[in-house]
Amino acid sequence: MGAGRFDLHVHTTASDGTWSPARVVGEAARLGLAGVGITDHDTVAGVPEALAAGERAGIRVVPGIELGSEYGGEEVHVLGYFIDPGHPRLAGILTWLQEVRWRRLDRMVERVAELGLPVSRQRVAELAAGGTPGRPHLARAMVEAGYVGSVEEAFDRYLERGRPGYVPRPHLSPSDAVRVIRQAGGCAVLAHPGLLRDDGVIAELVGAGLGGIEARYPKHRPEQVEEYGRLGRRLGLIVTGGSDFHGPGVGPPAWLGEVTVPADVVEALAHRARGGGGDSGEERREGGRTGPTA
């Protein structure tokens, strides 16, 4: 375990991934990873299955989540690690987020129908398969109907902010997302900061109790990896990374385990989640890459 690598940003069918939690964990074990972080959007529904699969496969599963929030008109995603999935405050927030997501998705189905691209709300629900509903499920339904050639095209033409099918939804504030994660016993980490137009939110989040920053990410340029690594060390944040794997052909162009961190980063997250502070060299150590692109 001490010499192993962890992919700390992975999605499953509990949200908008295409692999079940058990399959994700099994593949992580097959790839030789020491562990994996299950970070589905606005849900912890996949965590119990993943934990059980981790015990069978002999690898460590980090219970996590990725909460959506909004700052200055753009989405800010906050990862939570070592959370208590059954915490009542977290459960209440997630119930509200599920309701908000379905209302938004229903309106987006109406919008694309008004554009002459009708899809069945039932089919979108089937694609969500009981997990957290989102735009990727609508995009897949549009691909199935032959309106677009790919999920990416559906987003680019219709579902991204500013496109004709887009509908905004109520969000937590980023600071509230950090606080909810901390209340649930977890360590909060800012996801993929290089994708933000304005990273001024970082200072606000540090004040709210942010514990880490995801510097290593498939869409970050090398100079961004260095920039956010330096920033994290200066602010006393744990520097993390992960692939943001959603399944083959979905999400960032990175495979499970392609972007990883060493075990000491995971231990630092666990320590911070337990209430430990400080910014020791161990906690500030950056992760790396593994796999065919190492």
C-alpha atoms as a PDB file:
ATOM      1  CA  MET A   1       0.000   0.000   0.000  1.00  0.00           C
ATOM      2  CA  GLY A   2       2.791   2.444   0.872  1.00  0.00           C
ATOM      3  CA  ALA A   3       4.209   2.221  -2.646  1.00  0.00           C
ATOM      4  CA  GLY A   4       0.781   2.102  -4.316  1.00  0.00           C
ATOM      5  CA  ARG A   5      -1.085   4.691  -6.341  1.00  0.00           C
ATOM      6  CA  PHE A   6      -4.613   6.008  -5.933  1.00  0.00           C
ATOM      7  CA  ASP A   7      -7.002   7.538  -8.472  1.00  0.00           C
ATOM      8  CA  LEU A   8      -9.063   9.885  -6.310  1.00  0.00           C
ATOM      9  CA  HIS A   9     -11.598  11.188  -8.826  1.00  0.00           C
ATOM     10  CA  VAL A  10     -13.848   8.497 -10.288  1.00  0.00           C
ATOM     11  CA  HIS A  11     -17.552   8.336 -11.189  1.00  0.00           C
ATOM     12  CA  THR A  12     -19.932   5.390 -11.411  1.00  0.00           C
ATOM     13  CA  THR A  13     -23.492   4.603 -12.486  1.00  0.00           C
ATOM     14  CA  ALA A  14     -24.597   6.130  -9.176  1.00  0.00           C
ATOM     15  CA  SER A  15     -24.269   9.463 -11.008  1.00  0.00           C
ATOM     16  CA  ASP A  16     -23.179   9.937 -14.621  1.00  0.00           C
ATOM     17  CA  GLY A  17     -20.573   7.199 -15.015  1.00  0.00           C
ATOM     18  CA  THR A  18     -21.152   4.165 -17.198  1.00  0.00           C
ATOM     19  CA  TRP A  19     -19.556   1.508 -14.959  1.00  0.00           C
ATOM     20  CA  SER A  20     -21.051   0.175 -11.731  1.00  0.00           C
ATOM     21  CA  PRO A  21     -19.147   0.843  -8.502  1.00  0.00           C
ATOM     22  CA  ALA A  22     -18.145  -2.828  -8.331  1.00  0.00           C
ATOM     23  CA  ARG A  23     -16.835  -2.792 -11.883  1.00  0.00           C
ATOM     24  CA  VAL A  24     -14.826   0.384 -11.244  1.00  0.00           C
ATOM     25  CA  VAL A  25     -13.202  -1.149  -8.180  1.00  0.00           C
ATOM     26  CA  GLY A  26     -12.551  -4.434  -9.962  1.00  0.00           C
ATOM     27  CA  GLU A  27     -10.874  -2.655 -12.857  1.00  0.00           C
ATOM     28  CA  ALA A  28      -8.804  -0.553 -10.453  1.00  0.00           C
ATOM     29  CA  ALA A  29      -7.568  -3.756  -8.837  1.00  0.00           C
ATOM     30  CA  ARG A  30      -6.805  -5.283 -12.236  1.00  0.00           C
ATOM     31  CA  LEU A  31      -4.744  -2.212 -13.132  1.00  0.00           C
ATOM     32  CA  GLY A  32      -2.699  -2.617  -9.948  1.00  0.00           C
ATOM     33  CA  LEU A  33      -3.995   0.469  -8.156  1.00  0.00           C
ATOM     34  CA  ALA A  34      -3.763   0.497  -4.389  1.00  0.00           C
ATOM     35  CA  GLY A  35      -7.092   2.269  -4.157  1.00  0.00           C
ATOM     36  CA  VAL A  36      -9.699   4.488  -5.710  1.00  0.00           C
ATOM     37  CA  GLY A  37     -11.861   7.424  -4.610  1.00  0.00           C
ATOM     38  CA  ILE A  38     -15.561   7.146  -5.455  1.00  0.00           C
ATOM     39  CA  THR A  39     -16.703  10.727  -6.075  1.00  0.00           C
ATOM     40  CA  ASP A  40     -20.107  10.675  -7.731  1.00  0.00           C
ATOM     41  CA  HIS A  41     -21.970  13.899  -8.382  1.00  0.00           C
ATOM     42  CA  ASP A  42     -24.257  14.909  -5.513  1.00  0.00           C
ATOM     43  CA  THR A  43     -24.723  11.336  -4.261  1.00  0.00           C
ATOM     44  CA  VAL A  44     -23.104   8.715  -2.075  1.00  0.00           C
ATOM     45  CA  ALA A  45     -25.330   5.910  -3.369  1.00  0.00           C
ATOM     46  CA  GLY A  46     -22.409   4.047  -4.946  1.00  0.00           C
ATOM     47  CA  VAL A  47     -20.182   4.069  -1.877  1.00  0.00           C
ATOM     48  CA  PRO A  48     -21.508   0.946  -0.077  1.00  0.00           C
ATOM     49  CA  GLU A  49     -21.172  -1.243  -3.183  1.00  0.00           C
ATOM     50  CA  ALA A  50     -17.695   0.122  -3.844  1.00  0.00           C
ATOM     51  CA  LEU A  51     -16.552  -0.490  -0.262  1.00  0.00           C
ATOM     52  CA  ALA A  52     -17.767  -4.082  -0.407  1.00  0.00           C
ATOM     53  CA  ALA A  53     -16.023  -4.579  -3.759  1.00  0.00           C
ATOM     54  CA  GLY A  54     -12.844  -3.107  -2.323  1.00  0.00           C
ATOM     55  CA  GLU A  55     -12.857  -5.640   0.504  1.00  0.00           C
ATOM     56  CA  ARG A  56     -13.253  -8.481  -1.990  1.00  0.00           C
ATOM     57  CA  ALA A  57     -10.547  -7.139  -4.307  1.00  0.00           C
ATOM     58  CA  GLY A  58      -8.124  -6.205  -1.553  1.00  0.00           C
ATOM     59  CA  ILE A  59      -7.821  -2.537  -2.444  1.00  0.00           C
ATOM     60  CA  ARG A  60      -8.738   0.584  -0.507  1.00  0.00           C
ATOM     61  CA  VAL A  61     -11.874   2.535  -1.403  1.00  0.00           C
ATOM     62  CA  VAL A  62     -12.037   6.159  -0.277  1.00  0.00           C
ATOM     63  CA  PRO A  63     -15.678   7.175   0.325  1.00  0.00           C
ATOM     64  CA  GLY A  64     -16.242  10.473  -1.402  1.00  0.00           C
ATOM     65  CA  ILE A  65     -18.532  12.817  -3.274  1.00  0.00           C
ATOM     66  CA  GLU A  66     -18.370  15.688  -5.778  1.00  0.00           C
ATOM     67  CA  LEU A  67     -20.724  18.512  -4.833  1.00  0.00           C
ATOM     68  CA  GLY A  68     -21.775  21.061  -7.433  1.00  0.00           C
ATOM     69  CA  SER A  69     -21.854  24.709  -6.434  1.00  0.00           C
ATOM     70  CA  GLU A  70     -21.843  28.097  -8.132  1.00  0.00           C
ATOM     71  CA  TYR A  71     -19.635  31.173  -7.847  1.00  0.00           C
ATOM     72  CA  GLY A  72     -19.767  34.229 -10.072  1.00  0.00           C
ATOM     73  CA  GLY A  73     -22.091  32.573 -12.577  1.00  0.00           C
ATOM     74  CA  GLU A  74     -20.023  29.417 -13.130  1.00  0.00           C
ATOM     75  CA  GLU A  75     -20.034  25.967 -11.598  1.00  0.00           C
ATOM     76  CA  VAL A  76     -17.467  25.126  -8.951  1.00  0.00           C
ATOM     77  CA  HIS A  77     -17.063  21.488  -7.980  1.00  0.00           C
ATOM     78  CA  VAL A  78     -15.907  20.507  -4.514  1.00  0.00           C
ATOM     79  CA  LEU A  79     -14.715  16.984  -3.771  1.00  0.00           C
ATOM     80  CA  GLY A  80     -15.186  15.451  -0.342  1.00  0.00           C
ATOM     81  CA  TYR A  81     -13.057  12.563   0.949  1.00  0.00           C
ATOM     82  CA  PHE A  82     -13.576  10.226   3.915  1.00  0.00           C
ATOM     83  CA  ILE A  83     -17.100  11.521   4.444  1.00  0.00           C
ATOM     84  CA  ASP A  84     -19.707   9.720   6.521  1.00  0.00           C
ATOM     85  CA  PRO A  85     -22.240   8.703   3.827  1.00  0.00           C
ATOM     86  CA  GLY A  86     -25.042   8.507   6.396  1.00  0.00           C
ATOM     87  CA  HIS A  87     -24.527  11.916   7.997  1.00  0.00           C
ATOM     88  CA  PRO A  88     -27.987  13.568   8.411  1.00  0.00           C
ATOM     89  CA  ARG A  89     -26.896  17.036   7.281  1.00  0.00           C
ATOM     90  CA  LEU A  90     -25.349  15.598   4.123  1.00  0.00           C
ATOM     91  CA  ALA A  91     -28.399  13.389   3.507  1.00  0.00           C
ATOM     92  CA  GLY A  92     -30.725  16.389   3.675  1.00  0.00           C
ATOM     93  CA  ILE A  93     -28.633  18.395   1.231  1.00  0.00           C
ATOM     94  CA  LEU A  94     -28.423  15.477  -1.197  1.00  0.00           C
ATOM     95  CA  THR A  95     -32.202  14.968  -1.141  1.00  0.00           C
ATOM     96  CA  TRP A  96     -32.682  18.615  -2.041  1.00  0.00           C
ATOM     97  CA  LEU A  97     -30.062  18.420  -4.804  1.00  0.00           C
ATOM     98  CA  GLN A  98     -31.759  15.355  -6.320  1.00  0.00           C
ATOM     99  CA  GLU A  99     -35.097  17.170  -6.441  1.00  0.00           C
ATOM    100  CA  VAL A 100     -33.489  20.228  -8.008  1.00  0.00           C
ATOM    101  CA  ARG A 101     -31.699  18.113 -10.601  1.00  0.00           C
ATOM    102  CA  TRP A 102     -34.920  16.376 -11.727  1.00  0.00           C
ATOM    103  CA  ARG A 103     -36.822  19.659 -12.029  1.00  0.00           C
ATOM    104  CA  ARG A 104     -34.014  21.071 -14.116  1.00  0.00           C
ATOM    105  CA  LEU A 105     -33.726  18.000 -16.305  1.00  0.00           C
ATOM    106  CA  ASP A 106     -37.484  17.981 -16.967  1.00  0.00           C
ATOM    107  CA  ARG A 107     -37.252  21.579 -18.164  1.00  0.00           C
ATOM    108  CA  MET A 108     -34.282  20.731 -20.400  1.00  0.00           C
ATOM    109  CA  VAL A 109     -36.233  17.855 -21.956  1.00  0.00           C
ATOM    110  CA  GLU A 110     -38.958  20.399 -22.735  1.00  0.00           C
ATOM    111  CA  ARG A 111     -36.401  22.834 -24.167  1.00  0.00           C
ATOM    112  CA  VAL A 112     -34.858  20.364 -26.607  1.00  0.00           C
ATOM    113  CA  ALA A 113     -38.349  19.228 -27.652  1.00  0.00           C
ATOM    114  CA  GLU A 114     -39.163  22.865 -28.461  1.00  0.00           C
ATOM    115  CA  LEU A 115     -36.073  22.822 -30.670  1.00  0.00           C
ATOM    116  CA  GLY A 116     -37.526  19.902 -32.635  1.00  0.00           C
ATOM    117  CA  LEU A 117     -35.475  17.261 -30.801  1.00  0.00           C
ATOM    118  CA  PRO A 118     -37.982  15.336 -28.683  1.00  0.00           C
ATOM    119  CA  VAL A 119     -36.661  12.687 -26.323  1.00  0.00           C
ATOM    120  CA  SER A 120     -38.556  10.608 -23.800  1.00  0.00           C
ATOM    121  CA  ARG A 121     -38.289  11.690 -20.187  1.00  0.00           C
ATOM    122  CA  GLN A 122     -38.717   8.017 -19.348  1.00  0.00           C
ATOM    123  CA  ARG A 123     -35.678   7.130 -21.452  1.00  0.00           C
ATOM    124  CA  VAL A 124     -33.583   9.776 -19.726  1.00  0.00           C
ATOM    125  CA  ALA A 125     -34.651   8.316 -16.378  1.00  0.00           C
ATOM    126  CA  GLU A 126     -33.719   4.821 -17.582  1.00  0.00           C
ATOM    127  CA  LEU A 127     -30.269   6.055 -18.562  1.00  0.00           C
ATOM    128  CA  ALA A 128     -29.881   7.618 -15.113  1.00  0.00           C
ATOM    129  CA  ALA A 129     -30.733   4.132 -13.751  1.00  0.00           C
ATOM    130  CA  GLY A 130     -31.738   5.429 -10.349  1.00  0.00           C
ATOM    131  CA  GLY A 131     -28.568   7.487  -9.999  1.00  0.00           C
ATOM    132  CA  THR A 132     -28.061  11.229  -9.905  1.00  0.00           C
ATOM    133  CA  PRO A 133     -29.740  12.661 -13.037  1.00  0.00           C
ATOM    134  CA  GLY A 134     -27.781  15.099 -15.146  1.00  0.00           C
ATOM    135  CA  ARG A 135     -27.118  16.511 -18.580  1.00  0.00           C
ATOM    136  CA  PRO A 136     -24.995  13.510 -19.649  1.00  0.00           C
ATOM    137  CA  HIS A 137     -28.095  11.305 -19.450  1.00  0.00           C
ATOM    138  CA  LEU A 138     -30.056  13.684 -21.656  1.00  0.00           C
ATOM    139  CA  ALA A 139     -27.097  13.874 -24.024  1.00  0.00           C
ATOM    140  CA  ARG A 140     -26.987  10.075 -24.314  1.00  0.00           C
ATOM    141  CA  ALA A 141     -30.696  10.021 -25.095  1.00  0.00           C
ATOM    142  CA  MET A 142     -30.092  12.565 -27.857  1.00  0.00           C
ATOM    143  CA  VAL A 143     -27.318  10.381 -29.277  1.00  0.00           C
ATOM    144  CA  GLU A 144     -29.633   7.365 -29.243  1.00  0.00           C
ATOM    145  CA  ALA A 145     -32.308   9.361 -31.067  1.00  0.00           C
ATOM    146  CA  GLY A 146     -29.810  10.271 -33.793  1.00  0.00           C
ATOM    147  CA  TYR A 147     -29.931  14.019 -33.216  1.00  0.00           C
ATOM    148  CA  VAL A 148     -26.189  14.255 -32.493  1.00  0.00           C
ATOM    149  CA  GLY A 149     -23.221  12.012 -33.067  1.00  0.00           C
ATOM    150  CA  SER A 150     -21.776  12.117 -29.564  1.00  0.00           C
ATOM    151  CA  VAL A 151     -22.336  13.283 -26.012  1.00  0.00           C
ATOM    152  CA  GLU A 152     -19.755  16.007 -26.634  1.00  0.00           C
ATOM    153  CA  GLU A 153     -21.711  17.298 -29.642  1.00  0.00           C
ATOM    154  CA  ALA A 154     -24.911  17.373 -27.592  1.00  0.00           C
ATOM    155  CA  PHE A 155     -23.200  19.546 -25.004  1.00  0.00           C
ATOM    156  CA  ASP A 156     -21.460  21.787 -27.534  1.00  0.00           C
ATOM    157  CA  ARG A 157     -24.604  22.470 -29.558  1.00  0.00           C
ATOM    158  CA  TYR A 158     -27.409  22.334 -27.007  1.00  0.00           C
ATOM    159  CA  LEU A 159     -26.616  21.660 -23.352  1.00  0.00           C
ATOM    160  CA  GLU A 160     -23.685  23.833 -22.308  1.00  0.00           C
ATOM    161  CA  ARG A 161     -24.296  27.142 -20.559  1.00  0.00           C
ATOM    162  CA  GLY A 162     -25.471  29.665 -23.144  1.00  0.00           C
ATOM    163  CA  ARG A 163     -26.764  26.990 -25.562  1.00  0.00           C
ATOM    164  CA  PRO A 164     -30.481  26.785 -26.387  1.00  0.00           C
ATOM    165  CA  GLY A 165     -31.225  23.695 -24.320  1.00  0.00           C
ATOM    166  CA  TYR A 166     -29.416  24.819 -21.184  1.00  0.00           C
ATOM    167  CA  VAL A 167     -31.355  25.507 -17.978  1.00  0.00           C
ATOM    168  CA  PRO A 168     -29.593  26.783 -14.853  1.00  0.00           C
ATOM    169  CA  ARG A 169     -30.284  25.134 -11.520  1.00  0.00           C
ATOM    170  CA  PRO A 170     -30.044  26.292  -7.920  1.00  0.00           C
ATOM    171  CA  HIS A 171     -26.722  25.494  -6.342  1.00  0.00           C
ATOM    172  CA  LEU A 172     -25.005  25.505  -3.033  1.00  0.00           C
ATOM    173  CA  SER A 173     -22.394  28.184  -2.631  1.00  0.00           C
ATOM    174  CA  PRO A 174     -18.837  26.772  -2.774  1.00  0.00           C
ATOM    175  CA  SER A 175     -18.311  27.708   0.873  1.00  0.00           C
ATOM    176  CA  ASP A 176     -21.494  25.867   1.846  1.00  0.00           C
ATOM    177  CA  ALA A 177     -20.292  22.801  -0.081  1.00  0.00           C
ATOM    178  CA  VAL A 178     -17.043  22.867   1.906  1.00  0.00           C
ATOM    179  CA  ARG A 179     -18.927  23.221   5.183  1.00  0.00           C
ATOM    180  CA  VAL A 180     -21.313  20.354   4.395  1.00  0.00           C
ATOM    181  CA  ILE A 181     -18.368  18.079   3.615  1.00  0.00           C
ATOM    182  CA  ARG A 182     -16.654  19.045   6.851  1.00  0.00           C
ATOM    183  CA  GLN A 183     -19.872  18.512   8.831  1.00  0.00           C
ATOM    184  CA  ALA A 184     -20.052  15.015   7.314  1.00  0.00           C
ATOM    185  CA  GLY A 185     -16.578  14.283   8.672  1.00  0.00           C
ATOM    186  CA  GLY A 186     -14.740  14.738   5.380  1.00  0.00           C
ATOM    187  CA  CYS A 187     -11.886  16.709   3.869  1.00  0.00           C
ATOM    188  CA  ALA A 188     -12.972  19.174   1.147  1.00  0.00           C
ATOM    189  CA  VAL A 189     -10.866  19.541  -2.010  1.00  0.00           C
ATOM    190  CA  LEU A 190     -11.391  21.997  -4.864  1.00  0.00           C
ATOM    191  CA  ALA A 191     -11.811  20.015  -8.086  1.00  0.00           C
ATOM    192  CA  HIS A 192     -10.026  20.939 -11.344  1.00  0.00           C
ATOM    193  CA  PRO A 193      -9.339  24.632 -10.569  1.00  0.00           C
ATOM    194  CA  GLY A 194      -7.770  25.134 -13.985  1.00  0.00           C
ATOM    195  CA  LEU A 195     -11.209  24.882 -15.589  1.00  0.00           C
ATOM    196  CA  LEU A 196     -12.473  27.935 -13.702  1.00  0.00           C
ATOM    197  CA  ARG A 197     -12.583  31.318 -15.375  1.00  0.00           C
ATOM    198  CA  ASP A 198     -12.058  32.966 -11.996  1.00  0.00           C
ATOM    199  CA  ASP A 199     -10.105  31.091  -9.350  1.00  0.00           C
ATOM    200  CA  GLY A 200     -10.566  33.914  -6.854  1.00  0.00           C
ATOM    201  CA  VAL A 201     -12.935  31.597  -5.038  1.00  0.00           C
ATOM    202  CA  ILE A 202      -9.944  29.694  -3.640  1.00  0.00           C
ATOM    203  CA  ALA A 203      -9.198  32.263  -0.955  1.00  0.00           C
ATOM    204  CA  GLU A 204     -12.842  32.224   0.158  1.00  0.00           C
ATOM    205  CA  LEU A 205     -12.837  28.427   0.327  1.00  0.00           C
ATOM    206  CA  VAL A 206      -9.674  28.336   2.430  1.00  0.00           C
ATOM    207  CA  GLY A 207     -11.503  30.531   4.923  1.00  0.00           C
ATOM    208  CA  ALA A 208     -14.412  28.062   4.928  1.00  0.00           C
ATOM    209  CA  GLY A 209     -12.109  25.142   5.712  1.00  0.00           C
ATOM    210  CA  LEU A 210     -10.902  23.857   2.350  1.00  0.00           C
ATOM    211  CA  GLY A 211      -8.370  21.087   2.891  1.00  0.00           C
ATOM    212  CA  GLY A 212      -6.969  20.382  -0.572  1.00  0.00           C
ATOM    213  CA  ILE A 213      -6.699  21.313  -4.226  1.00  0.00           C
ATOM    214  CA  GLU A 214      -6.778  19.002  -7.247  1.00  0.00           C
ATOM    215  CA  ALA A 215      -3.698  20.080  -9.171  1.00  0.00           C
ATOM    216  CA  ARG A 216      -3.215  16.928 -11.233  1.00  0.00           C
ATOM    217  CA  TYR A 217      -6.097  16.582 -13.657  1.00  0.00           C
ATOM    218  CA  PRO A 218      -6.335  15.366 -17.276  1.00  0.00           C
ATOM    219  CA  LYS A 219      -7.317  18.747 -18.707  1.00  0.00           C
ATOM    220  CA  HIS A 220      -4.747  20.756 -16.761  1.00  0.00           C
ATOM    221  CA  ARG A 221      -1.757  21.901 -18.762  1.00  0.00           C
ATOM    222  CA  PRO A 222       1.662  21.083 -17.237  1.00  0.00           C
ATOM    223  CA  GLU A 223       2.114  24.689 -16.161  1.00  0.00           C
ATOM    224  CA  GLN A 224      -1.264  24.583 -14.399  1.00  0.00           C
ATOM    225  CA  VAL A 225      -0.266  21.449 -12.529  1.00  0.00           C
ATOM    226  CA  GLU A 226       2.820  23.276 -11.291  1.00  0.00           C
ATOM    227  CA  GLU A 227       0.919  26.488 -10.555  1.00  0.00           C
ATOM    228  CA  TYR A 228      -1.772  24.849  -8.443  1.00  0.00           C
ATOM    229  CA  GLY A 229       0.759  22.613  -6.743  1.00  0.00           C
ATOM    230  CA  ARG A 230       2.732  25.673  -5.638  1.00  0.00           C
ATOM    231  CA  LEU A 231      -0.460  27.485  -4.597  1.00  0.00           C
ATOM    232  CA  GLY A 232      -1.622  24.509  -2.589  1.00  0.00           C
ATOM    233  CA  ARG A 233       1.679  24.203  -0.758  1.00  0.00           C
ATOM    234  CA  ARG A 234       1.703  27.923  -0.005  1.00  0.00           C
ATOM    235  CA  LEU A 235      -1.824  27.782   1.411  1.00  0.00           C
ATOM    236  CA  GLY A 236      -1.213  24.604   3.401  1.00  0.00           C
ATOM    237  CA  LEU A 237      -3.561  22.544   1.216  1.00  0.00           C
ATOM    238  CA  ILE A 238      -3.140  18.879   0.337  1.00  0.00           C
ATOM    239  CA  VAL A 239      -2.283  18.607  -3.364  1.00  0.00           C
ATOM    240  CA  THR A 240      -4.362  15.858  -4.949  1.00  0.00           C
ATOM    241  CA  GLY A 241      -5.211  14.448  -8.363  1.00  0.00           C
ATOM    242  CA  GLY A 242      -7.374  12.024 -10.255  1.00  0.00           C
ATOM    243  CA  SER A 243      -8.602  10.996 -13.679  1.00  0.00           C
ATOM    244  CA  ASP A 244     -12.263  12.124 -13.421  1.00  0.00           C
ATOM    245  CA  PHE A 245     -13.044   8.802 -15.096  1.00  0.00           C
ATOM    246  CA  HIS A 246     -16.708   8.391 -16.148  1.00  0.00           C
ATOM    247  CA  GLY A 247     -16.365   5.387 -18.424  1.00  0.00           C
ATOM    248  CA  PRO A 248     -15.104   4.733 -21.951  1.00  0.00           C
ATOM    249  CA  GLY A 249     -15.771   7.683 -24.237  1.00  0.00           C
ATOM    250  CA  VAL A 250     -17.309   9.847 -21.503  1.00  0.00           C
ATOM    251  CA  GLY A 251     -15.798  12.838 -19.736  1.00  0.00           C
ATOM    252  CA  PRO A 252     -12.129  13.887 -19.834  1.00  0.00           C
ATOM    253  CA  PRO A 253      -9.852  11.892 -22.150  1.00  0.00           C
ATOM    254  CA  ALA A 254      -8.213   9.904 -19.355  1.00  0.00           C
ATOM    255  CA  TRP A 255      -8.535   6.270 -18.372  1.00  0.00           C
ATOM    256  CA  LEU A 256      -9.080   4.984 -14.873  1.00  0.00           C
ATOM    257  CA  GLY A 257      -5.753   5.171 -13.033  1.00  0.00           C
ATOM    258  CA  GLU A 258      -4.078   7.427 -15.577  1.00  0.00           C
ATOM    259  CA  VAL A 259      -3.792  10.305 -13.096  1.00  0.00           C
ATOM    260  CA  THR A 260      -2.906   9.235  -9.572  1.00  0.00           C
ATOM    261  CA  VAL A 261      -1.461  10.248  -6.220  1.00  0.00           C
ATOM    262  CA  PRO A 262       0.722   8.295  -3.770  1.00  0.00           C
ATOM    263  CA  ALA A 263      -0.570   6.705  -0.588  1.00  0.00           C
ATOM    264  CA  ASP A 264       0.767   9.458   1.669  1.00  0.00           C
ATOM    265  CA  VAL A 265      -1.615  11.945   0.047  1.00  0.00           C
ATOM    266  CA  VAL A 266      -4.516   9.643   0.911  1.00  0.00           C
ATOM    267  CA  GLU A 267      -3.297   9.376   4.490  1.00  0.00           C
ATOM    268  CA  ALA A 268      -3.035  13.174   4.658  1.00  0.00           C
ATOM    269  CA  LEU A 269      -6.647  13.492   3.495  1.00  0.00           C
ATOM    270  CA  ALA A 270      -7.752  10.966   6.105  1.00  0.00           C
ATOM    271  CA  HIS A 271      -5.808  12.823   8.789  1.00  0.00           C
ATOM    272  CA  ARG A 272      -7.319  16.168   7.776  1.00  0.00           C
ATOM    273  CA  ALA A 273     -10.807  14.623   7.701  1.00  0.00           C
ATOM    274  CA  ARG A 274     -10.292  13.407  11.267  1.00  0.00           C
ATOM    275  CA  GLY A 275      -9.619  16.979  12.291  1.00  0.00           C
ATOM    276  CA  GLY A 276      -5.867  17.057  11.915  1.00  0.00           C
ATOM    277  CA  GLY A 277      -4.312  20.286  10.714  1.00  0.00           C
ATOM    278  CA  GLY A 278      -0.909  21.427   9.667  1.00  0.00           C
ATOM    279  CA  ASP A 279       0.852  21.412   6.350  1.00  0.00           C
ATOM    280  CA  SER A 280       3.612  18.877   6.761  1.00  0.00           C
ATOM    281  CA  GLY A 281       5.759  17.861   3.847  1.00  0.00           C
ATOM    282  CA  GLU A 282       3.798  14.622   3.642  1.00  0.00           C
ATOM    283  CA  GLU A 283       0.484  16.469   3.297  1.00  0.00           C
ATOM    284  CA  ARG A 284       1.856  18.807   0.662  1.00  0.00           C
ATOM    285  CA  ARG A 285       3.451  16.165  -1.525  1.00  0.00           C
ATOM    286  CA  GLU A 286       2.126  16.125  -5.075  1.00  0.00           C
ATOM    287  CA  GLY A 287       0.885  13.056  -6.844  1.00  0.00           C
ATOM    288  CA  GLY A 288       1.889  11.863 -10.288  1.00  0.00           C
ATOM    289  CA  ARG A 289       0.809   9.918 -13.331  1.00  0.00           C
ATOM    290  CA  THR A 290       0.851   6.242 -13.929  1.00  0.00           C
ATOM    291  CA  GLY A 291      -0.115   3.954 -16.742  1.00  0.00           C
ATOM    292  CA  PRO A 292       0.770   4.094 -20.433  1.00  0.00           C
ATOM    293  CA  THR A 293       1.246   7.879 -20.484  1.00  0.00           C
ATOM    294  CA  ALA A 294       3.558   8.046 -17.473  1.00  0.00           C
END
